[in-house]
PDB file of N, CA and C in Angstrom:
ATOM      1  N   UNK A   1     314.196 -13.126 124.128  1.00  0.00           N
ATOM      2  CA  UNK A   1     314.008 -11.713 123.931  1.00  0.00           C
ATOM      3  C   UNK A   1     312.717 -11.279 124.626  1.00  0.00           C
ATOM      4  N   UNK A   2     312.853 -10.308 125.495  1.00  0.00           N
ATOM      5  CA  UNK A   2     311.704  -9.813 126.237  1.00  0.00           C
ATOM      6  C   UNK A   2     310.964  -8.754 125.447  1.00  0.00           C
ATOM      7  N   UNK A   3     309.667  -8.711 125.664  1.00  0.00           N
ATOM      8  CA  UNK A   3     308.864  -7.670 125.014  1.00  0.00           C
ATOM      9  C   UNK A   3     308.651  -6.541 126.014  1.00  0.00           C
ATOM     10  N   UNK A   4     309.083  -5.346 125.636  1.00  0.00           N
ATOM     11  CA  UNK A   4     308.882  -4.167 126.469  1.00  0.00           C
ATOM     12  C   UNK A   4     307.885  -3.249 125.795  1.00  0.00           C
ATOM     13  N   UNK A   5     306.925  -2.758 126.545  1.00  0.00           N
ATOM     14  CA  UNK A   5     306.037  -1.751 125.945  1.00  0.00           C
ATOM     15  C   UNK A   5     306.823  -0.503 125.578  1.00  0.00           C
ATOM     16  N   UNK A   6     306.280   0.274 124.666  1.00  0.00           N
ATOM     17  CA  UNK A   6     306.971   1.466 124.174  1.00  0.00           C
ATOM     18  C   UNK A   6     307.283   2.439 125.305  1.00  0.00           C
ATOM     19  N   UNK A   7     306.382   2.593 126.238  1.00  0.00           N
ATOM     20  CA  UNK A   7     306.602   3.533 127.344  1.00  0.00           C
ATOM     21  C   UNK A   7     307.778   3.084 128.206  1.00  0.00           C
ATOM     22  N   UNK A   8     307.899   1.792 128.446  1.00  0.00           N
ATOM     23  CA  UNK A   8     309.010   1.288 129.262  1.00  0.00           C
ATOM     24  C   UNK A   8     310.327   1.481 128.534  1.00  0.00           C
ATOM     25  N   UNK A   9     310.350   1.244 127.226  1.00  0.00           N
ATOM     26  CA  UNK A   9     311.587   1.427 126.462  1.00  0.00           C
ATOM     27  C   UNK A   9     311.994   2.892 126.470  1.00  0.00           C
ATOM     28  N   UNK A  10     311.016   3.784 126.319  1.00  0.00           N
ATOM     29  CA  UNK A  10     311.294   5.217 126.314  1.00  0.00           C
ATOM     30  C   UNK A  10     311.827   5.669 127.671  1.00  0.00           C
ATOM     31  N   UNK A  11     311.267   5.115 128.729  1.00  0.00           N
ATOM     32  CA  UNK A  11     311.735   5.452 130.079  1.00  0.00           C
ATOM     33  C   UNK A  11     313.162   4.974 130.283  1.00  0.00           C
ATOM     34  N   UNK A  12     313.476   3.772 129.811  1.00  0.00           N
ATOM     35  CA  UNK A  12     314.843   3.259 129.912  1.00  0.00           C
ATOM     36  C   UNK A  12     315.807   4.121 129.120  1.00  0.00           C
ATOM     37  N   UNK A  13     315.417   4.525 127.918  1.00  0.00           N
ATOM     38  CA  UNK A  13     316.287   5.360 127.080  1.00  0.00           C
ATOM     39  C   UNK A  13     316.519   6.711 127.739  1.00  0.00           C
ATOM     40  N   UNK A  14     315.476   7.276 128.328  1.00  0.00           N
ATOM     41  CA  UNK A  14     315.620   8.567 129.012  1.00  0.00           C
ATOM     42  C   UNK A  14     316.537   8.431 130.219  1.00  0.00           C
ATOM     43  N   UNK A  15     316.426   7.326 130.935  1.00  0.00           N
ATOM     44  CA  UNK A  15     317.302   7.098 132.084  1.00  0.00           C
ATOM     45  C   UNK A  15     318.750   6.940 131.656  1.00  0.00           C
ATOM     46  N   UNK A  16     318.986   6.237 130.563  1.00  0.00           N
ATOM     47  CA  UNK A  16     320.350   6.058 130.051  1.00  0.00           C
ATOM     48  C   UNK A  16     320.916   7.386 129.571  1.00  0.00           C
ATOM     49  N   UNK A  17     320.088   8.195 128.921  1.00  0.00           N
ATOM     50  CA  UNK A  17     320.549   9.494 128.454  1.00  0.00           C
ATOM     51  C   UNK A  17     320.874  10.405 129.639  1.00  0.00           C
ATOM     52  N   UNK A  18     320.092  10.284 130.695  1.00  0.00           N
ATOM     53  CA  UNK A  18     320.338  11.109 131.880  1.00  0.00           C
ATOM     54  C   UNK A  18     321.678  10.748 132.505  1.00  0.00           C
ATOM     55  N   UNK A  19     322.028   9.472 132.524  1.00  0.00           N
ATOM     56  CA  UNK A  19     323.297   9.030 133.115  1.00  0.00           C
ATOM     57  C   UNK A  19     324.475   9.478 132.270  1.00  0.00           C
ATOM     58  N   UNK A  20     324.342   9.471 130.952  1.00  0.00           N
ATOM     59  CA  UNK A  20     325.456   9.813 130.071  1.00  0.00           C
ATOM     60  C   UNK A  20     325.550  11.307 129.807  1.00  0.00           C
ATOM     61  N   UNK A  21     324.511  12.024 130.093  1.00  0.00           N
ATOM     62  CA  UNK A  21     324.488  13.443 129.798  1.00  0.00           C
ATOM     63  C   UNK A  21     323.813  13.690 128.469  1.00  0.00           C
ATOM     64  N   UNK A  22     323.733  14.946 128.096  1.00  0.00           N
ATOM     65  CA  UNK A  22     323.016  15.303 126.873  1.00  0.00           C
ATOM     66  C   UNK A  22     323.925  15.332 125.646  1.00  0.00           C
ATOM     67  N   UNK A  23     325.185  15.010 125.798  1.00  0.00           N
ATOM     68  CA  UNK A  23     326.128  15.121 124.687  1.00  0.00           C
ATOM     69  C   UNK A  23     325.766  14.265 123.492  1.00  0.00           C
ATOM     70  N   UNK A  24     325.452  12.999 123.712  1.00  0.00           N
ATOM     71  CA  UNK A  24     325.128  12.106 122.593  1.00  0.00           C
ATOM     72  C   UNK A  24     323.833  12.516 121.916  1.00  0.00           C
ATOM     73  N   UNK A  25     322.834  12.878 122.700  1.00  0.00           N
ATOM     74  CA  UNK A  25     321.559  13.306 122.121  1.00  0.00           C
ATOM     75  C   UNK A  25     321.740  14.576 121.307  1.00  0.00           C
ATOM     76  N   UNK A  26     322.491  15.521 121.832  1.00  0.00           N
ATOM     77  CA  UNK A  26     322.739  16.775 121.115  1.00  0.00           C
ATOM     78  C   UNK A  26     323.484  16.519 119.817  1.00  0.00           C
ATOM     79  N   UNK A  27     324.437  15.620 119.845  1.00  0.00           N
ATOM     80  CA  UNK A  27     325.198  15.268 118.645  1.00  0.00           C
ATOM     81  C   UNK A  27     324.271  14.697 117.572  1.00  0.00           C
ATOM     82  N   UNK A  28     323.388  13.796 117.964  1.00  0.00           N
ATOM     83  CA  UNK A  28     322.465  13.183 117.006  1.00  0.00           C
ATOM     84  C   UNK A  28     321.517  14.231 116.447  1.00  0.00           C
ATOM     85  N   UNK A  29     320.984  15.097 117.299  1.00  0.00           N
ATOM     86  CA  UNK A  29     320.059  16.137 116.836  1.00  0.00           C
ATOM     87  C   UNK A  29     320.750  17.065 115.853  1.00  0.00           C
ATOM     88  N   UNK A  30     321.980  17.460 116.128  1.00  0.00           N
ATOM     89  CA  UNK A  30     322.704  18.348 115.219  1.00  0.00           C
ATOM     90  C   UNK A  30     322.977  17.687 113.876  1.00  0.00           C
ATOM     91  N   UNK A  31     323.361  16.422 113.889  1.00  0.00           N
ATOM     92  CA  UNK A  31     323.632  15.707 112.640  1.00  0.00           C
ATOM     93  C   UNK A  31     322.366  15.594 111.807  1.00  0.00           C
ATOM     94  N   UNK A  32     321.246  15.270 112.446  1.00  0.00           N
ATOM     95  CA  UNK A  32     319.981  15.142 111.722  1.00  0.00           C
ATOM     96  C   UNK A  32     319.558  16.499 111.158  1.00  0.00           C
ATOM     97  N   UNK A  33     319.746  17.569 111.926  1.00  0.00           N
ATOM     98  CA  UNK A  33     319.392  18.900 111.431  1.00  0.00           C
ATOM     99  C   UNK A  33     320.237  19.288 110.225  1.00  0.00           C
ATOM    100  N   UNK A  34     321.532  19.017 110.271  1.00  0.00           N
ATOM    101  CA  UNK A  34     322.416  19.366 109.157  1.00  0.00           C
ATOM    102  C   UNK A  34     322.047  18.562 107.916  1.00  0.00           C
ATOM    103  N   UNK A  35     321.829  17.261 108.094  1.00  0.00           N
ATOM    104  CA  UNK A  35     321.442  16.435 106.941  1.00  0.00           C
ATOM    105  C   UNK A  35     320.092  16.879 106.375  1.00  0.00           C
ATOM    106  N   UNK A  36     319.171  17.251 107.238  1.00  0.00           N
ATOM    107  CA  UNK A  36     317.882  17.738 106.773  1.00  0.00           C
ATOM    108  C   UNK A  36     318.018  19.024 105.974  1.00  0.00           C
ATOM    109  N   UNK A  37     318.872  19.933 106.432  1.00  0.00           N
ATOM    110  CA  UNK A  37     319.090  21.184 105.703  1.00  0.00           C
ATOM    111  C   UNK A  37     319.720  20.916 104.343  1.00  0.00           C
ATOM    112  N   UNK A  38     320.682  20.020 104.291  1.00  0.00           N
ATOM    113  CA  UNK A  38     321.337  19.697 103.026  1.00  0.00           C
ATOM    114  C   UNK A  38     320.340  19.070 102.051  1.00  0.00           C
ATOM    115  N   UNK A  39     319.544  18.132 102.527  1.00  0.00           N
ATOM    116  CA  UNK A  39     318.571  17.491 101.644  1.00  0.00           C
ATOM    117  C   UNK A  39     317.496  18.477 101.187  1.00  0.00           C
ATOM    118  N   UNK A  40     317.065  19.372 102.066  1.00  0.00           N
ATOM    119  CA  UNK A  40     316.081  20.376 101.681  1.00  0.00           C
ATOM    120  C   UNK A  40     316.647  21.325 100.638  1.00  0.00           C
ATOM    121  N   UNK A  41     317.875  21.769 100.828  1.00  0.00           N
ATOM    122  CA  UNK A  41     318.521  22.663  99.857  1.00  0.00           C
ATOM    123  C   UNK A  41     318.663  21.958  98.514  1.00  0.00           C
ATOM    124  N   UNK A  42     319.077  20.707  98.537  1.00  0.00           N
ATOM    125  CA  UNK A  42     319.217  19.958  97.285  1.00  0.00           C
ATOM    126  C   UNK A  42     317.865  19.838  96.582  1.00  0.00           C
ATOM    127  N   UNK A  43     316.826  19.529  97.348  1.00  0.00           N
ATOM    128  CA  UNK A  43     315.499  19.361  96.757  1.00  0.00           C
ATOM    129  C   UNK A  43     314.998  20.668  96.142  1.00  0.00           C
ATOM    130  N   UNK A  44     315.213  21.780  96.840  1.00  0.00           N
ATOM    131  CA  UNK A  44     314.722  23.064  96.336  1.00  0.00           C
ATOM    132  C   UNK A  44     315.548  23.585  95.166  1.00  0.00           C
ATOM    133  N   UNK A  45     316.860  23.339  95.178  1.00  0.00           N
ATOM    134  CA  UNK A  45     317.731  23.897  94.162  1.00  0.00           C
ATOM    135  C   UNK A  45     317.905  23.018  92.930  1.00  0.00           C
ATOM    136  N   UNK A  46     317.454  21.781  92.989  1.00  0.00           N
ATOM    137  CA  UNK A  46     317.671  20.887  91.839  1.00  0.00           C
ATOM    138  C   UNK A  46     316.899  21.333  90.620  1.00  0.00           C
ATOM    139  N   UNK A  47     315.797  22.048  90.799  1.00  0.00           N
ATOM    140  CA  UNK A  47     315.013  22.530  89.663  1.00  0.00           C
ATOM    141  C   UNK A  47     315.700  23.638  88.904  1.00  0.00           C
ATOM    142  N   UNK A  48     316.566  24.395  89.554  1.00  0.00           N
ATOM    143  CA  UNK A  48     317.246  25.505  88.881  1.00  0.00           C
ATOM    144  C   UNK A  48     318.350  25.031  87.937  1.00  0.00           C
ATOM    145  N   UNK A  49     318.761  23.783  88.068  1.00  0.00           N
ATOM    146  CA  UNK A  49     319.820  23.244  87.230  1.00  0.00           C
ATOM    147  C   UNK A  49     319.331  22.976  85.804  1.00  0.00           C
ATOM    148  N   UNK A  50     318.032  22.709  85.650  1.00  0.00           N
ATOM    149  CA  UNK A  50     317.462  22.415  84.334  1.00  0.00           C
ATOM    150  C   UNK A  50     317.387  23.670  83.487  1.00  0.00           C
ATOM    151  N   UNK A  51     317.676  23.521  82.203  1.00  0.00           N
ATOM    152  CA  UNK A  51     317.612  24.656  81.276  1.00  0.00           C
ATOM    153  C   UNK A  51     316.275  24.628  80.567  1.00  0.00           C
ATOM    154  N   UNK A  52     315.619  25.755  80.498  1.00  0.00           N
ATOM    155  CA  UNK A  52     314.355  25.861  79.790  1.00  0.00           C
ATOM    156  C   UNK A  52     314.607  26.380  78.375  1.00  0.00           C
ATOM    157  N   UNK A  53     314.555  25.493  77.387  1.00  0.00           N
ATOM    158  CA  UNK A  53     314.792  25.880  75.993  1.00  0.00           C
ATOM    159  C   UNK A  53     313.486  26.011  75.241  1.00  0.00           C
TER     160      UNK A  53
END
């Protein structure tokens, strides 16, 4: 197993993304955004479920 510095790995990833197009990257970004919105909504709304007696 070869050791690659972070900059070299990032350059390789950018080159691979350039060859495949932006479709996969866009898909990942959209999925992460949707999951983030769902988790944020759950976190903010979970307090309203409790009843204050």
